[in-house]
Amino acid sequence: MELALYKTLWGHDGGLGHAIQLCAESGFQGIEGPVPLDPAGRAEFFETLHQSGLGWIAEVSTCTPAGFYVPLPGRSVEQHLESLEDGIIRSLKGSPRFINTMAGYDAWSFNDSLRFHTGVVRLQEKHGIIISVETHRGRSTYNPWLTRDLLEALPDLRITCDFSHWCVVSERLVLDEFDDILALTARHAHHIQPRVGYSQGPQVPDPRAPEYADALAAHERWWAVVWDSMAARGFTRFTMTPEFGPDGYLQQTPFTQIPAADLWEVNRWIGLRQRDRFQRHFHNHPPR
């Protein structure tokens, strides 16, 4: 059993080469991020990754301008599916481990969300690559109850578990109340983004701080449930991408804009902590 850690490019300003260097220094096994839109930049991105020997999880966001993550308003199911397929096609030449996507639209009806995610499963089959859909605000999976209904309807849908979003949407550590939703999501889980959310935000200022110990402990309980479910389904290699990030997620002191923490330091800490927990977890509870 192995847990591979991937470094997100979100919030990293030093370029791909520097991100690769940080992975090597910290024992991370890969990069998660989108490819450049321009062909020359994309070719350089693929070559740099290939030379590094690191793995890559391709990130695709549907119906967003480059560098943004909230979907443009008023786009149809068909436009989101077209956007997703365009991103898949751009990514495939780089031989990603799988596609991680922020996809769909939170304002859709359930029927439109179901139609879209049915299309996601079809694209997975068409292109022969796993597409793992993030649980994310602004998207069709923004809350646990709608996600539950989608998963019950679509047994082949894969999920990236970023439970931090559900904490702020519900204003509580919500999965402690809904064991059934946690278990269902775990059965569909393919990947975890271990960011710690709390009742008033998708990202605690610093997960090492004692005042957020309860939130950290809750997320770690949930991630262990996901690991056990994945192991029961035959996984032997697991992935995690620590994704504490910028863009308002990282709290700053008013006026001075001094950040509450260093993003890479926090992401490195949470990743290495989870790798240690993973090793202890399966040493003490080996899968049957």
Protein backbone atom coordinates (compact mmCIF):
# COMPACT_ATOMS: atom_id res chain seq x y z
CA MET A 1 0.00 0.00 0.00
CA GLU A 2 1.44 3.34 -1.05
CA LEU A 3 0.28 6.93 -0.77
CA ALA A 4 1.64 9.22 -3.49
CA LEU A 5 1.65 12.96 -2.74
CA TYR A 6 1.11 15.47 -5.54
CA LYS A 7 1.96 19.16 -5.41
CA THR A 8 -0.71 21.55 -6.65
CA LEU A 9 0.31 24.31 -9.04
CA TRP A 10 -2.48 26.50 -7.66
CA GLY A 11 -0.84 29.26 -5.68
CA HIS A 12 2.65 28.34 -6.88
CA ASP A 13 4.38 31.33 -8.49
CA GLY A 14 7.83 29.89 -9.14
CA GLY A 15 7.19 28.04 -12.39
CA LEU A 16 6.98 24.32 -13.10
CA GLY A 17 10.72 23.76 -12.68
CA HIS A 18 10.67 25.18 -9.17
CA ALA A 19 7.58 23.12 -8.28
CA ILE A 20 9.43 19.99 -9.43
CA GLN A 21 12.40 20.96 -7.26
CA LEU A 22 10.16 21.34 -4.20
CA CYS A 23 8.64 17.91 -4.88
CA ALA A 24 12.09 16.34 -5.00
CA GLU A 25 13.15 18.05 -1.76
CA SER A 26 10.02 16.97 0.13
CA GLY A 27 9.43 13.50 -1.27
CA PHE A 28 6.32 14.30 -3.28
CA GLN A 29 5.69 12.04 -6.27
CA GLY A 30 3.96 14.32 -8.75
CA ILE A 31 2.30 17.53 -9.89
CA GLU A 32 -1.39 18.37 -10.15
CA GLY A 33 -2.38 21.24 -12.41
CA PRO A 34 -3.73 22.32 -15.81
CA VAL A 35 -1.78 22.42 -19.04
CA PRO A 36 -1.05 25.74 -20.78
CA LEU A 37 -3.57 26.67 -23.45
CA ASP A 38 -0.99 27.64 -26.09
CA PRO A 39 0.63 24.73 -28.02
CA ALA A 40 4.22 25.87 -27.44
CA GLY A 41 3.72 26.27 -23.69
CA ARG A 42 1.95 22.94 -23.57
CA ALA A 43 4.80 21.14 -25.35
CA GLU A 44 7.33 22.67 -22.95
CA PHE A 45 5.16 21.70 -19.98
CA PHE A 46 4.98 18.08 -21.14
CA GLU A 47 8.71 17.89 -21.85
CA THR A 48 9.64 19.35 -18.47
CA LEU A 49 7.35 16.91 -16.68
CA HIS A 50 8.69 13.99 -18.69
CA GLN A 51 12.27 14.88 -17.88
CA SER A 52 11.44 15.14 -14.17
CA GLY A 53 10.12 11.59 -13.95
CA LEU A 54 7.24 12.80 -11.77
CA GLY A 55 3.63 11.76 -12.17
CA TRP A 56 0.98 14.22 -13.27
CA ILE A 57 -2.72 14.63 -12.47
CA ALA A 58 -4.34 16.81 -15.13
CA GLU A 59 -6.66 19.51 -13.86
CA VAL A 60 -9.59 20.60 -16.03
CA SER A 61 -12.15 23.24 -15.02
CA THR A 62 -15.28 23.53 -17.14
CA CYS A 63 -16.48 26.85 -18.56
CA THR A 64 -13.98 29.09 -16.78
CA PRO A 65 -11.47 31.57 -18.20
CA ALA A 66 -7.83 30.57 -17.70
CA GLY A 67 -6.75 31.15 -14.13
CA PHE A 68 -10.31 31.24 -12.75
CA TYR A 69 -12.36 28.49 -11.17
CA VAL A 70 -15.92 29.78 -10.73
CA PRO A 71 -18.00 28.78 -13.78
CA LEU A 72 -19.26 31.44 -16.12
CA PRO A 73 -23.01 32.01 -15.64
CA GLY A 74 -25.63 30.77 -18.06
CA ARG A 75 -23.60 28.04 -19.74
CA SER A 76 -25.51 24.92 -20.76
CA VAL A 77 -24.89 21.28 -19.95
CA GLU A 78 -23.65 20.81 -23.50
CA GLN A 79 -21.21 23.72 -23.20
CA HIS A 80 -19.78 22.31 -19.97
CA LEU A 81 -19.35 18.88 -21.55
CA GLU A 82 -17.65 20.44 -24.57
CA SER A 83 -15.37 22.42 -22.26
CA LEU A 84 -14.47 19.26 -20.34
CA GLU A 85 -13.73 17.28 -23.49
CA ASP A 86 -11.55 20.08 -24.86
CA GLY A 87 -9.52 20.00 -21.65
CA ILE A 88 -9.24 16.21 -21.75
CA ILE A 89 -7.96 16.27 -25.32
CA ARG A 90 -5.37 18.96 -24.48
CA SER A 91 -4.18 16.90 -21.53
CA LEU A 92 -3.99 13.39 -23.01
CA LYS A 93 -0.70 13.94 -24.85
CA GLY A 94 0.97 14.38 -21.47
CA SER A 95 -0.15 10.92 -20.30
CA PRO A 96 -1.78 12.06 -17.04
CA ARG A 97 -2.48 9.60 -14.27
CA PHE A 98 -6.12 10.72 -14.47
CA ILE A 99 -8.23 13.84 -15.01
CA ASN A 100 -9.33 15.81 -11.97
CA THR A 101 -12.15 18.20 -12.80
CA MET A 102 -14.05 21.05 -11.23
CA ALA A 103 -17.15 20.61 -13.31
CA GLY A 104 -20.79 21.53 -13.72
CA TYR A 105 -22.77 24.39 -12.23
CA ASP A 106 -24.39 24.82 -8.82
CA ALA A 107 -27.45 26.67 -10.18
CA TRP A 108 -28.59 23.81 -12.41
CA SER A 109 -31.62 21.67 -11.60
CA PHE A 110 -30.93 18.16 -10.41
CA ASN A 111 -31.95 16.81 -13.81
CA ASP A 112 -29.41 19.02 -15.58
CA SER A 113 -26.71 18.03 -13.11
CA LEU A 114 -27.58 14.37 -13.66
CA ARG A 115 -27.49 14.83 -17.43
CA PHE A 116 -24.09 16.50 -17.18
CA HIS A 117 -22.53 13.84 -14.96
CA THR A 118 -23.96 11.09 -17.15
CA GLY A 119 -21.98 12.80 -19.90
CA VAL A 120 -18.87 12.80 -17.71
CA VAL A 121 -19.09 9.01 -17.36
CA ARG A 122 -19.51 8.70 -21.14
CA LEU A 123 -16.43 10.88 -21.76
CA GLN A 124 -14.48 8.66 -19.38
CA GLU A 125 -15.42 5.65 -21.47
CA LYS A 126 -14.85 7.44 -24.78
CA HIS A 127 -11.33 8.63 -23.96
CA GLY A 128 -10.25 5.68 -21.83
CA ILE A 129 -9.14 7.74 -18.86
CA ILE A 130 -10.54 8.16 -15.36
CA ILE A 131 -12.32 11.47 -14.74
CA SER A 132 -12.60 12.31 -11.06
CA VAL A 133 -15.07 15.07 -10.19
CA GLU A 134 -14.22 17.37 -7.28
CA THR A 135 -16.67 18.10 -4.51
CA HIS A 136 -16.50 21.86 -4.93
CA ARG A 137 -18.48 25.05 -4.31
CA GLY A 138 -19.84 26.69 -7.42
CA ARG A 139 -20.26 23.26 -8.99
CA SER A 140 -22.94 20.58 -9.06
CA THR A 141 -21.22 18.76 -6.18
CA TYR A 142 -21.22 21.80 -3.89
CA ASN A 143 -23.21 20.14 -1.12
CA PRO A 144 -23.33 16.61 0.27
CA TRP A 145 -27.04 16.00 -0.33
CA LEU A 146 -27.06 16.79 -4.04
CA THR A 147 -23.84 14.83 -4.44
CA ARG A 148 -25.45 11.87 -2.67
CA ASP A 149 -28.33 11.90 -5.15
CA LEU A 150 -25.94 12.05 -8.12
CA LEU A 151 -23.84 9.17 -6.80
CA GLU A 152 -26.89 7.02 -6.15
CA ALA A 153 -27.95 7.56 -9.76
CA LEU A 154 -24.50 7.07 -11.32
CA PRO A 155 -22.57 4.07 -9.95
CA ASP A 156 -19.60 4.71 -12.29
CA LEU A 157 -19.02 8.33 -11.33
CA ARG A 158 -15.62 8.93 -9.68
CA ILE A 159 -15.16 11.58 -7.00
CA THR A 160 -12.27 13.68 -5.73
CA CYS A 161 -12.95 14.20 -2.03
CA ASP A 162 -12.39 17.80 -0.99
CA PHE A 163 -14.66 17.80 2.04
CA SER A 164 -13.58 21.31 3.07
CA HIS A 165 -16.20 22.81 0.74
CA TRP A 166 -19.05 20.94 2.38
CA CYS A 167 -18.02 22.26 5.81
CA VAL A 168 -18.44 25.90 4.83
CA VAL A 169 -21.59 25.29 2.78
CA SER A 170 -23.27 23.59 5.74
CA GLU A 171 -21.52 25.70 8.43
CA ARG A 172 -20.46 22.62 10.37
CA LEU A 173 -18.33 19.47 10.26
CA VAL A 174 -21.22 17.97 8.40
CA LEU A 175 -20.03 14.44 7.63
CA ASP A 176 -19.96 13.62 11.34
CA GLU A 177 -23.77 13.76 11.08
CA PHE A 178 -24.18 11.78 7.86
CA ASP A 179 -22.30 8.49 8.00
CA ASP A 180 -24.32 7.26 5.04
CA ILE A 181 -23.19 10.10 2.77
CA LEU A 182 -19.58 9.68 3.87
CA ALA A 183 -19.72 5.95 3.16
CA LEU A 184 -21.36 6.49 -0.24
CA THR A 185 -18.84 9.16 -1.25
CA ALA A 186 -16.00 6.92 -0.10
CA ARG A 187 -17.27 4.13 -2.36
CA HIS A 188 -16.97 6.50 -5.33
CA ALA A 189 -13.70 8.11 -4.21
CA HIS A 190 -10.70 8.10 -6.51
CA HIS A 191 -8.57 10.92 -5.08
CA ILE A 192 -8.34 13.13 -1.99
CA GLN A 193 -7.43 16.79 -1.66
CA PRO A 194 -6.62 17.10 2.05
CA ARG A 195 -7.50 20.67 2.85
CA VAL A 196 -9.09 21.29 6.25
CA GLY A 197 -12.28 23.32 6.20
CA TYR A 198 -14.33 24.62 9.10
CA SER A 199 -17.75 26.13 9.77
CA GLN A 200 -16.89 29.56 8.35
CA GLY A 201 -14.50 28.75 5.54
CA PRO A 202 -13.05 26.12 3.21
CA GLN A 203 -9.58 26.58 4.68
CA VAL A 204 -8.50 26.99 8.29
CA PRO A 205 -5.80 29.65 8.66
CA ASP A 206 -3.26 27.02 9.75
CA PRO A 207 -4.10 23.34 10.38
CA ARG A 208 -1.26 23.13 12.92
CA ALA A 209 -2.96 25.62 15.24
CA PRO A 210 -4.60 24.07 18.34
CA GLU A 211 -7.79 26.09 17.87
CA TYR A 212 -8.49 24.07 14.70
CA ALA A 213 -7.66 20.66 16.17
CA ASP A 214 -11.29 19.51 16.03
CA ALA A 215 -11.59 20.36 12.33
CA LEU A 216 -8.32 18.60 11.54
CA ALA A 217 -9.35 15.51 13.50
CA ALA A 218 -12.72 15.35 11.72
CA HIS A 219 -11.17 15.52 8.26
CA GLU A 220 -8.61 12.88 9.20
CA ARG A 221 -11.41 10.57 10.36
CA TRP A 222 -13.18 11.08 7.04
CA TRP A 223 -10.04 10.50 4.96
CA ALA A 224 -9.42 7.23 6.81
CA VAL A 225 -12.93 6.07 5.87
CA VAL A 226 -12.13 6.88 2.24
CA TRP A 227 -8.84 4.97 2.41
CA ASP A 228 -10.57 1.89 3.82
CA SER A 229 -13.20 1.98 1.09
CA MET A 230 -10.61 2.37 -1.64
CA ALA A 231 -8.56 -0.50 -0.21
CA ALA A 232 -11.67 -2.69 -0.16
CA ARG A 233 -12.11 -1.90 -3.87
CA GLY A 234 -8.59 -3.09 -4.63
CA PHE A 235 -6.56 0.12 -4.59
CA THR A 236 -2.93 -0.40 -3.63
CA ARG A 237 -1.67 3.04 -4.73
CA PHE A 238 -3.51 6.07 -3.40
CA THR A 239 -3.12 9.75 -4.27
CA MET A 240 -3.45 12.95 -2.29
CA THR A 241 -2.90 16.54 -3.40
CA PRO A 242 -2.66 18.97 -0.47
CA GLU A 243 -4.47 22.06 -1.71
CA PHE A 244 -4.33 24.88 0.78
CA GLY A 245 -4.44 27.80 -1.60
CA PRO A 246 -4.52 31.55 -2.29
CA ASP A 247 -7.29 33.70 -3.83
CA GLY A 248 -9.00 34.52 -0.54
CA TYR A 249 -8.62 31.01 0.86
CA LEU A 250 -5.46 32.02 2.70
CA GLN A 251 -6.39 34.50 5.41
CA GLN A 252 -4.44 37.77 5.54
CA THR A 253 -4.11 40.52 8.12
CA PRO A 254 -6.26 43.51 7.03
CA PHE A 255 -4.36 46.47 5.57
CA THR A 256 -0.93 44.80 5.71
CA GLN A 257 -2.04 41.69 3.78
CA ILE A 258 0.42 39.59 5.75
CA PRO A 259 -0.54 35.93 5.12
CA ALA A 260 -1.53 33.74 8.05
CA ALA A 261 0.81 30.98 6.87
CA ASP A 262 3.16 29.93 4.09
CA LEU A 263 1.19 27.87 1.57
CA TRP A 264 3.93 25.42 0.63
CA GLU A 265 4.93 24.94 4.26
CA VAL A 266 1.32 24.11 5.17
CA ASN A 267 0.76 21.86 2.15
CA ARG A 268 4.01 20.03 2.79
CA TRP A 269 3.11 19.59 6.47
CA ILE A 270 -0.38 18.24 5.82
CA GLY A 271 0.87 15.93 3.06
CA LEU A 272 3.71 14.39 5.06
CA ARG A 273 1.45 14.06 8.09
CA GLN A 274 -1.12 12.13 6.02
CA ARG A 275 1.56 9.87 4.56
CA ASP A 276 2.68 8.97 8.08
CA ARG A 277 -0.93 8.40 9.14
CA PHE A 278 -1.56 6.27 6.05
CA GLN A 279 1.39 4.02 6.84
CA ARG A 280 0.34 3.60 10.46
CA HIS A 281 -3.31 3.10 9.48
CA PHE A 282 -2.65 0.18 7.16
CA HIS A 283 0.00 -1.28 9.43
CA ASN A 284 -2.56 -1.41 12.24
CA HIS A 285 -5.58 -2.18 10.03
CA PRO A 286 -4.37 -4.14 6.99
CA PRO A 287 -7.05 -4.60 4.29
CA ARG A 288 -8.64 -8.00 4.10
